C-alpha atoms as a PDB file:
ATOM      1  CA  MET A   1     119.518 183.841  40.610  1.00  0.00           C
ATOM      2  CA  THR A   2     116.879 186.027  39.636  1.00  0.00           C
ATOM      3  CA  GLN A   3     112.461 185.831  40.532  1.00  0.00           C
ATOM      4  CA  ILE A   4     110.373 185.365  37.892  1.00  0.00           C
ATOM      5  CA  LYS A   5     107.211 185.263  39.760  1.00  0.00           C
ATOM      6  CA  SER A   6     104.324 185.871  37.052  1.00  0.00           C
ATOM      7  CA  LEU A   7     103.787 183.585  33.513  1.00  0.00           C
ATOM      8  CA  GLU A   8     103.959 186.422  30.760  1.00  0.00           C
ATOM      9  CA  GLU A   9     107.224 187.579  31.867  1.00  0.00           C
ATOM     10  CA  MET A  10     107.913 184.049  32.216  1.00  0.00           C
ATOM     11  CA  GLU A  11     107.015 183.085  28.947  1.00  0.00           C
ATOM     12  CA  GLN A  12     108.117 186.858  27.407  1.00  0.00           C
ATOM     13  CA  ILE A  13     111.906 185.370  28.412  1.00  0.00           C
ATOM     14  CA  VAL A  14     111.522 182.194  27.130  1.00  0.00           C
ATOM     15  CA  SER A  15     110.730 183.758  24.191  1.00  0.00           C
ATOM     16  CA  ARG A  16     113.418 186.099  23.909  1.00  0.00           C
ATOM     17  CA  ASN A  17     116.517 182.896  24.279  1.00  0.00           C
ATOM     18  CA  LYS A  18     116.895 180.368  21.628  1.00  0.00           C
ATOM     19  CA  THR A  19     118.159 178.563  24.033  1.00  0.00           C
ATOM     20  CA  LEU A  20     115.405 178.248  26.870  1.00  0.00           C
ATOM     21  CA  SER A  21     112.274 176.043  25.844  1.00  0.00           C
ATOM     22  CA  TRP A  22     108.856 174.631  27.718  1.00  0.00           C
ATOM     23  CA  ASP A  23     108.485 171.419  29.086  1.00  0.00           C
ATOM     24  CA  GLY A  24     105.337 171.593  30.799  1.00  0.00           C
ATOM     25  CA  TRP A  25     106.092 174.295  33.517  1.00  0.00           C
ATOM     26  CA  THR A  26     109.272 173.154  33.474  1.00  0.00           C
ATOM     27  CA  VAL A  27     111.893 176.568  31.432  1.00  0.00           C
ATOM     28  CA  VAL A  28     114.365 173.950  29.910  1.00  0.00           C
ATOM     29  CA  SER A  29     117.614 176.235  28.675  1.00  0.00           C
ATOM     30  CA  SER A  30     120.596 173.534  26.680  1.00  0.00           C
ATOM     31  CA  TYR A  31     122.818 173.883  24.618  1.00  0.00           C
ATOM     32  CA  PRO A  32     124.826 171.784  21.944  1.00  0.00           C
ATOM     33  CA  SER A  33     128.521 170.191  23.682  1.00  0.00           C
ATOM     34  CA  ASP A  34     130.266 167.954  23.207  1.00  0.00           C
ATOM     35  CA  LYS A  35     130.635 167.791  27.435  1.00  0.00           C
ATOM     36  CA  GLY A  36     126.670 166.688  27.627  1.00  0.00           C
ATOM     37  CA  SER A  37     127.351 162.584  27.060  1.00  0.00           C
ATOM     38  CA  THR A  38     129.560 162.282  30.026  1.00  0.00           C
ATOM     39  CA  SER A  39     127.885 165.347  31.938  1.00  0.00           C
ATOM     40  CA  LYS A  40     124.498 164.799  35.155  1.00  0.00           C
ATOM     41  CA  ASP A  41     123.056 167.642  32.763  1.00  0.00           C
ATOM     42  CA  GLY A  42     123.884 165.423  29.396  1.00  0.00           C
ATOM     43  CA  ALA A  43     120.600 164.765  27.181  1.00  0.00           C
ATOM     44  CA  LEU A  44     120.664 163.530  23.106  1.00  0.00           C
ATOM     45  CA  VAL A  45     118.624 165.308  21.833  1.00  0.00           C
ATOM     46  CA  ASN A  46     118.121 164.708  17.930  1.00  0.00           C
ATOM     47  CA  GLY A  47     121.330 162.597  17.801  1.00  0.00           C
ATOM     48  CA  LYS A  48     122.956 164.889  19.665  1.00  0.00           C
ATOM     49  CA  TRP A  49     124.838 166.315  22.705  1.00  0.00           C
ATOM     50  CA  HIS A  50     123.560 168.457  24.616  1.00  0.00           C
ATOM     51  CA  VAL A  51     124.165 170.301  28.044  1.00  0.00           C
ATOM     52  CA  GLN A  52     120.230 171.171  29.898  1.00  0.00           C
ATOM     53  CA  ARG A  53     119.283 172.761  33.044  1.00  0.00           C
ATOM     54  CA  ARG A  54     115.838 172.791  34.072  1.00  0.00           C
ATOM     55  CA  PHE A  55     114.271 175.141  36.317  1.00  0.00           C
ATOM     56  CA  GLU A  56     111.149 174.146  37.921  1.00  0.00           C
ATOM     57  CA  PRO A  57     109.079 175.975  38.835  1.00  0.00           C
ATOM     58  CA  ASN A  58     107.462 176.741  42.896  1.00  0.00           C
ATOM     59  CA  GLU A  59     104.933 178.229  44.514  1.00  0.00           C
ATOM     60  CA  SER A  60     106.610 182.073  43.851  1.00  0.00           C
ATOM     61  CA  GLY A  61     108.095 180.603  40.858  1.00  0.00           C
ATOM     62  CA  TRP A  62     111.155 180.685  38.916  1.00  0.00           C
ATOM     63  CA  ASN A  63     113.879 180.914  39.774  1.00  0.00           C
ATOM     64  CA  ILE A  64     116.737 181.635  36.655  1.00  0.00           C
ATOM     65  CA  PRO A  65     120.278 183.654  36.621  1.00  0.00           C
ATOM     66  CA  GLY A  66     119.826 186.563  35.457  1.00  0.00           C
ATOM     67  CA  LYS A  67     121.527 186.354  32.275  1.00  0.00           C
ATOM     68  CA  PHE A  68     118.352 185.216  30.746  1.00  0.00           C
ATOM     69  CA  VAL A  69     116.022 188.147  32.516  1.00  0.00           C
ATOM     70  CA  ARG A  70     118.910 190.809  29.895  1.00  0.00           C
END
């Protein structure tokens, strides 16, 4: 996991990655998958199942997987 401390840096990461989006201050990683129908991280988005991971900020920023920072 990588610690992102500034909003500006997190905004750049989200804008460069099509699987990331914002939900308020939370960063959401979402990709379509049939596994979403049975996953605890599943969500129905526009009629299709997705698997989503949510990265909530804390007092130090966001902890996100390094693969999103590259």
